[in-house]
Amino acid sequence: MAETTVRENTDAGPRTQEGSRSETEKEKRTTLQGRRGSDVAPENRGSTTVADAVVVKIAGMAAREIPEIHNLGRGMARAFGAVRERVPGGGSDIAQGVKVEVGERQAAVDLDVVVEYGAAIADTAADVRRNVISAVERMTGLEVVEVNIAVGDVHLPDEEEEPEQVDRRVA
């Protein structure tokens, strides 16, 4: 995790000319990882695992915070999502259009987005990347190595989200 890495780097001591730590410093760092007991600082005891689903939710919410993003997901996924939202108790799928790969200390995010018509796609993608990286790194401590964005559609102002409701009159 980034926080642990920073702490380890500041406590590591001097580096050799090549910029790597000496063998004794490497051993010290290795032996301290995963130790238990009262002689070890609380933040260095044990490990923290972040599930892929957690990173998916954080990335999905962060991408949706950008005003120029109309929706996430591709055609059929959005169609099924619209049906799911209409079913009582179905709710919305925050993971729609989001895929992640999570390692021990790093994560990669892939997003499928629909952008509002008139938005500058390159600027919108940069805003999404910045927001997703910031949110995931802040909340999980994982380093986000990449955020790949695929713009699958543009939402036009006159496009309706739901089919028109037919007014039924009782005679």
C-alpha atoms as a PDB file:
ATOM      1  CA  MET A   1       0.000   0.000   0.000  1.00  0.00           C
ATOM      2  CA  ALA A   2       1.247   3.500  -0.717  1.00  0.00           C
ATOM      3  CA  GLU A   3       1.103   4.620   2.897  1.00  0.00           C
ATOM      4  CA  THR A   4       3.222   1.695   4.066  1.00  0.00           C
ATOM      5  CA  THR A   5       5.697   2.184   1.225  1.00  0.00           C
ATOM      6  CA  VAL A   6       6.214   5.842   2.138  1.00  0.00           C
ATOM      7  CA  ARG A   7       6.783   4.920   5.749  1.00  0.00           C
ATOM      8  CA  GLU A   8       9.270   2.211   4.783  1.00  0.00           C
ATOM      9  CA  ASN A   9      11.168   4.562   2.472  1.00  0.00           C
ATOM     10  CA  THR A  10      11.557   7.240   5.148  1.00  0.00           C
ATOM     11  CA  ASP A  11      12.754   4.722   7.748  1.00  0.00           C
ATOM     12  CA  ALA A  12      15.084   2.867   5.392  1.00  0.00           C
ATOM     13  CA  GLY A  13      18.138   4.994   5.933  1.00  0.00           C
ATOM     14  CA  PRO A  14      20.889   5.818   3.450  1.00  0.00           C
ATOM     15  CA  ARG A  15      20.986   4.327  -0.043  1.00  0.00           C
ATOM     16  CA  THR A  16      23.975   3.056  -1.973  1.00  0.00           C
ATOM     17  CA  GLN A  17      25.242   4.831  -5.080  1.00  0.00           C
ATOM     18  CA  GLU A  18      22.967   2.781  -7.339  1.00  0.00           C
ATOM     19  CA  GLY A  19      19.927   3.911  -5.315  1.00  0.00           C
ATOM     20  CA  SER A  20      19.140   0.498  -3.815  1.00  0.00           C
ATOM     21  CA  ARG A  21      19.144  -0.415  -0.146  1.00  0.00           C
ATOM     22  CA  SER A  22      21.902  -2.483   1.391  1.00  0.00           C
ATOM     23  CA  GLU A  23      21.207  -6.128   2.270  1.00  0.00           C
ATOM     24  CA  THR A  24      20.854  -5.406   6.004  1.00  0.00           C
ATOM     25  CA  GLU A  25      18.254  -2.725   5.325  1.00  0.00           C
ATOM     26  CA  LYS A  26      16.293  -5.095   3.076  1.00  0.00           C
ATOM     27  CA  GLU A  27      16.369  -7.777   5.753  1.00  0.00           C
ATOM     28  CA  LYS A  28      15.176  -5.324   8.392  1.00  0.00           C
ATOM     29  CA  ARG A  29      12.246  -4.286   6.249  1.00  0.00           C
ATOM     30  CA  THR A  30      11.344  -7.891   5.439  1.00  0.00           C
ATOM     31  CA  THR A  31      11.499  -9.086   9.036  1.00  0.00           C
ATOM     32  CA  LEU A  32       9.286  -6.247  10.225  1.00  0.00           C
ATOM     33  CA  GLN A  33       6.507  -7.005   7.766  1.00  0.00           C
ATOM     34  CA  GLY A  34       3.704  -9.026   9.295  1.00  0.00           C
ATOM     35  CA  ARG A  35       5.158  -9.010  12.803  1.00  0.00           C
ATOM     36  CA  ARG A  36       2.853  -9.076  15.750  1.00  0.00           C
ATOM     37  CA  GLY A  37       3.192  -7.961  19.312  1.00  0.00           C
ATOM     38  CA  SER A  38       3.327  -4.862  21.440  1.00  0.00           C
ATOM     39  CA  ASP A  39       6.837  -3.926  20.243  1.00  0.00           C
ATOM     40  CA  VAL A  40       5.510  -3.222  16.701  1.00  0.00           C
ATOM     41  CA  ALA A  41       3.632  -0.021  15.864  1.00  0.00           C
ATOM     42  CA  PRO A  42      -0.131  -0.671  15.437  1.00  0.00           C
ATOM     43  CA  GLU A  43      -0.159   0.465  11.776  1.00  0.00           C
ATOM     44  CA  ASN A  44       2.463  -2.215  10.938  1.00  0.00           C
ATOM     45  CA  ARG A  45       0.584  -5.158  12.472  1.00  0.00           C
ATOM     46  CA  GLY A  46      -1.205  -7.463  10.064  1.00  0.00           C
ATOM     47  CA  SER A  47      -2.352  -6.825   6.524  1.00  0.00           C
ATOM     48  CA  THR A  48      -5.273  -5.216   4.756  1.00  0.00           C
ATOM     49  CA  THR A  49      -6.901  -6.757   1.703  1.00  0.00           C
ATOM     50  CA  VAL A  50      -9.142  -4.729  -0.601  1.00  0.00           C
ATOM     51  CA  ALA A  51     -11.618  -6.743  -2.689  1.00  0.00           C
ATOM     52  CA  ASP A  52     -12.068  -6.049  -6.394  1.00  0.00           C
ATOM     53  CA  ALA A  53     -15.739  -5.198  -5.755  1.00  0.00           C
ATOM     54  CA  VAL A  54     -14.714  -2.362  -3.437  1.00  0.00           C
ATOM     55  CA  VAL A  55     -12.462  -0.804  -6.072  1.00  0.00           C
ATOM     56  CA  VAL A  56     -15.210  -1.260  -8.704  1.00  0.00           C
ATOM     57  CA  LYS A  57     -17.726   0.648  -6.571  1.00  0.00           C
ATOM     58  CA  ILE A  58     -15.307   3.459  -5.752  1.00  0.00           C
ATOM     59  CA  ALA A  59     -14.247   3.856  -9.399  1.00  0.00           C
ATOM     60  CA  GLY A  60     -17.866   3.750 -10.624  1.00  0.00           C
ATOM     61  CA  MET A  61     -19.013   6.419  -8.177  1.00  0.00           C
ATOM     62  CA  ALA A  62     -15.983   8.618  -8.908  1.00  0.00           C
ATOM     63  CA  ALA A  63     -16.584   8.419 -12.680  1.00  0.00           C
ATOM     64  CA  ARG A  64     -20.285   9.264 -12.252  1.00  0.00           C
ATOM     65  CA  GLU A  65     -19.366  12.416 -10.273  1.00  0.00           C
ATOM     66  CA  ILE A  66     -18.140  14.071 -13.480  1.00  0.00           C
ATOM     67  CA  PRO A  67     -21.079  16.087 -14.923  1.00  0.00           C
ATOM     68  CA  GLU A  68     -20.258  15.297 -18.572  1.00  0.00           C
ATOM     69  CA  ILE A  69     -20.600  11.550 -17.939  1.00  0.00           C
ATOM     70  CA  HIS A  70     -24.145  10.542 -18.782  1.00  0.00           C
ATOM     71  CA  ASN A  71     -23.867   6.866 -17.934  1.00  0.00           C
ATOM     72  CA  LEU A  72     -21.473   3.927 -17.684  1.00  0.00           C
ATOM     73  CA  GLY A  73     -21.646   0.703 -19.659  1.00  0.00           C
ATOM     74  CA  ARG A  74     -22.240  -0.364 -23.232  1.00  0.00           C
ATOM     75  CA  GLY A  75     -25.515  -0.843 -25.115  1.00  0.00           C
ATOM     76  CA  MET A  76     -26.878  -4.151 -23.805  1.00  0.00           C
ATOM     77  CA  ALA A  77     -25.526  -3.650 -20.298  1.00  0.00           C
ATOM     78  CA  ARG A  78     -27.277  -0.269 -20.115  1.00  0.00           C
ATOM     79  CA  ALA A  79     -30.512  -1.804 -21.480  1.00  0.00           C
ATOM     80  CA  PHE A  80     -30.479  -4.532 -18.827  1.00  0.00           C
ATOM     81  CA  GLY A  81     -29.579  -1.942 -16.209  1.00  0.00           C
ATOM     82  CA  ALA A  82     -32.579   0.189 -17.186  1.00  0.00           C
ATOM     83  CA  VAL A  83     -34.879  -2.831 -16.839  1.00  0.00           C
ATOM     84  CA  ARG A  84     -33.299  -3.777 -13.488  1.00  0.00           C
ATOM     85  CA  GLU A  85     -33.889  -0.248 -12.148  1.00  0.00           C
ATOM     86  CA  ARG A  86     -37.614  -0.479 -12.972  1.00  0.00           C
ATOM     87  CA  VAL A  87     -38.055  -3.751 -11.090  1.00  0.00           C
ATOM     88  CA  PRO A  88     -38.917  -3.150  -7.429  1.00  0.00           C
ATOM     89  CA  GLY A  89     -35.881  -3.985  -5.307  1.00  0.00           C
ATOM     90  CA  GLY A  90     -33.676  -4.257  -8.403  1.00  0.00           C
ATOM     91  CA  GLY A  91     -31.746  -1.067  -7.725  1.00  0.00           C
ATOM     92  CA  SER A  92     -28.967   0.242  -9.908  1.00  0.00           C
ATOM     93  CA  ASP A  93     -25.747  -1.581 -10.692  1.00  0.00           C
ATOM     94  CA  ILE A  94     -22.872   0.671  -9.730  1.00  0.00           C
ATOM     95  CA  ALA A  95     -20.454  -1.839 -11.286  1.00  0.00           C
ATOM     96  CA  GLN A  96     -21.947  -1.426 -14.761  1.00  0.00           C
ATOM     97  CA  GLY A  97     -19.230  -0.355 -17.190  1.00  0.00           C
ATOM     98  CA  VAL A  98     -16.404  -0.776 -14.671  1.00  0.00           C
ATOM     99  CA  LYS A  99     -13.728  -3.480 -14.680  1.00  0.00           C
ATOM    100  CA  VAL A 100     -10.711  -3.597 -12.389  1.00  0.00           C
ATOM    101  CA  GLU A 101      -7.601  -5.633 -11.764  1.00  0.00           C
ATOM    102  CA  VAL A 102      -6.369  -5.418  -8.211  1.00  0.00           C
ATOM    103  CA  GLY A 103      -2.964  -6.601  -7.039  1.00  0.00           C
ATOM    104  CA  GLU A 104      -1.354  -6.388  -3.619  1.00  0.00           C
ATOM    105  CA  ARG A 105      -0.399  -2.727  -3.993  1.00  0.00           C
ATOM    106  CA  GLN A 106      -1.707  -1.589  -7.375  1.00  0.00           C
ATOM    107  CA  ALA A 107      -4.941  -1.421  -9.332  1.00  0.00           C
ATOM    108  CA  ALA A 108      -5.899  -0.860 -12.970  1.00  0.00           C
ATOM    109  CA  VAL A 109      -9.341   0.400 -13.990  1.00  0.00           C
ATOM    110  CA  ASP A 110     -11.237   0.071 -17.287  1.00  0.00           C
ATOM    111  CA  LEU A 111     -14.332   2.212 -17.848  1.00  0.00           C
ATOM    112  CA  ASP A 112     -16.986   2.151 -20.593  1.00  0.00           C
ATOM    113  CA  VAL A 113     -18.699   5.557 -20.621  1.00  0.00           C
ATOM    114  CA  VAL A 114     -21.424   7.509 -22.367  1.00  0.00           C
ATOM    115  CA  VAL A 115     -20.570  11.208 -22.668  1.00  0.00           C
ATOM    116  CA  GLU A 116     -23.039  14.080 -22.926  1.00  0.00           C
ATOM    117  CA  TYR A 117     -23.244  15.702 -26.366  1.00  0.00           C
ATOM    118  CA  GLY A 118     -21.117  18.841 -26.559  1.00  0.00           C
ATOM    119  CA  ALA A 119     -18.596  17.737 -23.953  1.00  0.00           C
ATOM    120  CA  ALA A 120     -14.927  17.786 -24.916  1.00  0.00           C
ATOM    121  CA  ILE A 121     -14.180  14.064 -24.765  1.00  0.00           C
ATOM    122  CA  ALA A 122     -10.441  14.415 -24.104  1.00  0.00           C
ATOM    123  CA  ASP A 123     -11.056  16.884 -21.251  1.00  0.00           C
ATOM    124  CA  THR A 124     -13.850  14.737 -19.831  1.00  0.00           C
ATOM    125  CA  ALA A 125     -11.616  11.646 -19.929  1.00  0.00           C
ATOM    126  CA  ALA A 126      -8.866  13.560 -18.124  1.00  0.00           C
ATOM    127  CA  ASP A 127     -11.359  14.690 -15.453  1.00  0.00           C
ATOM    128  CA  VAL A 128     -12.621  11.120 -15.013  1.00  0.00           C
ATOM    129  CA  ARG A 129      -9.072   9.754 -14.730  1.00  0.00           C
ATOM    130  CA  ARG A 130      -8.110  12.394 -12.174  1.00  0.00           C
ATOM    131  CA  ASN A 131     -11.237  11.762 -10.072  1.00  0.00           C
ATOM    132  CA  VAL A 132     -11.030   7.954 -10.213  1.00  0.00           C
ATOM    133  CA  ILE A 133      -7.309   7.877  -9.365  1.00  0.00           C
ATOM    134  CA  SER A 134      -7.792  10.308  -6.505  1.00  0.00           C
ATOM    135  CA  ALA A 135     -10.771   8.427  -5.017  1.00  0.00           C
ATOM    136  CA  VAL A 136      -9.304   4.926  -5.316  1.00  0.00           C
ATOM    137  CA  GLU A 137      -5.877   5.919  -3.982  1.00  0.00           C
ATOM    138  CA  ARG A 138      -7.354   7.971  -1.123  1.00  0.00           C
ATOM    139  CA  MET A 139      -9.852   5.332  -0.003  1.00  0.00           C
ATOM    140  CA  THR A 140      -7.845   2.138  -0.528  1.00  0.00           C
ATOM    141  CA  GLY A 141      -4.183   3.136  -0.413  1.00  0.00           C
ATOM    142  CA  LEU A 142      -3.640   1.250  -3.686  1.00  0.00           C
ATOM    143  CA  GLU A 143      -1.594   2.885  -6.432  1.00  0.00           C
ATOM    144  CA  VAL A 144      -3.716   3.250  -9.570  1.00  0.00           C
ATOM    145  CA  VAL A 145      -1.377   2.477 -12.458  1.00  0.00           C
ATOM    146  CA  GLU A 146      -3.862   3.185 -15.257  1.00  0.00           C
ATOM    147  CA  VAL A 147      -7.438   4.206 -15.997  1.00  0.00           C
ATOM    148  CA  ASN A 148      -8.483   3.172 -19.496  1.00  0.00           C
ATOM    149  CA  ILE A 149     -11.608   4.887 -20.824  1.00  0.00           C
ATOM    150  CA  ALA A 150     -13.679   3.697 -23.775  1.00  0.00           C
ATOM    151  CA  VAL A 151     -16.317   6.162 -24.953  1.00  0.00           C
ATOM    152  CA  GLY A 152     -19.043   3.926 -26.343  1.00  0.00           C
ATOM    153  CA  ASP A 153     -21.746   6.487 -27.048  1.00  0.00           C
ATOM    154  CA  VAL A 154     -22.749  10.140 -26.922  1.00  0.00           C
ATOM    155  CA  HIS A 155     -26.017  11.060 -25.233  1.00  0.00           C
ATOM    156  CA  LEU A 156     -27.995  13.534 -27.347  1.00  0.00           C
ATOM    157  CA  PRO A 157     -30.207  16.107 -25.610  1.00  0.00           C
ATOM    158  CA  ASP A 158     -33.374  14.879 -27.329  1.00  0.00           C
ATOM    159  CA  GLU A 159     -32.792  11.176 -26.550  1.00  0.00           C
ATOM    160  CA  GLU A 160     -35.185   9.833 -23.978  1.00  0.00           C
ATOM    161  CA  GLU A 161     -33.998   7.479 -21.293  1.00  0.00           C
ATOM    162  CA  GLU A 162     -37.308   5.704 -20.881  1.00  0.00           C
ATOM    163  CA  PRO A 163     -39.869   4.848 -23.542  1.00  0.00           C
ATOM    164  CA  GLU A 164     -42.864   7.150 -23.547  1.00  0.00           C
ATOM    165  CA  GLN A 165     -45.676   6.112 -21.253  1.00  0.00           C
ATOM    166  CA  VAL A 166     -49.000   5.667 -23.023  1.00  0.00           C
ATOM    167  CA  ASP A 167     -51.795   7.465 -21.196  1.00  0.00           C
ATOM    168  CA  ARG A 168     -54.580   5.029 -20.476  1.00  0.00           C
ATOM    169  CA  ARG A 169     -58.015   6.414 -19.945  1.00  0.00           C
ATOM    170  CA  VAL A 170     -60.801   4.606 -18.273  1.00  0.00           C
ATOM    171  CA  ALA A 171     -64.022   4.940 -20.237  1.00  0.00           C
END
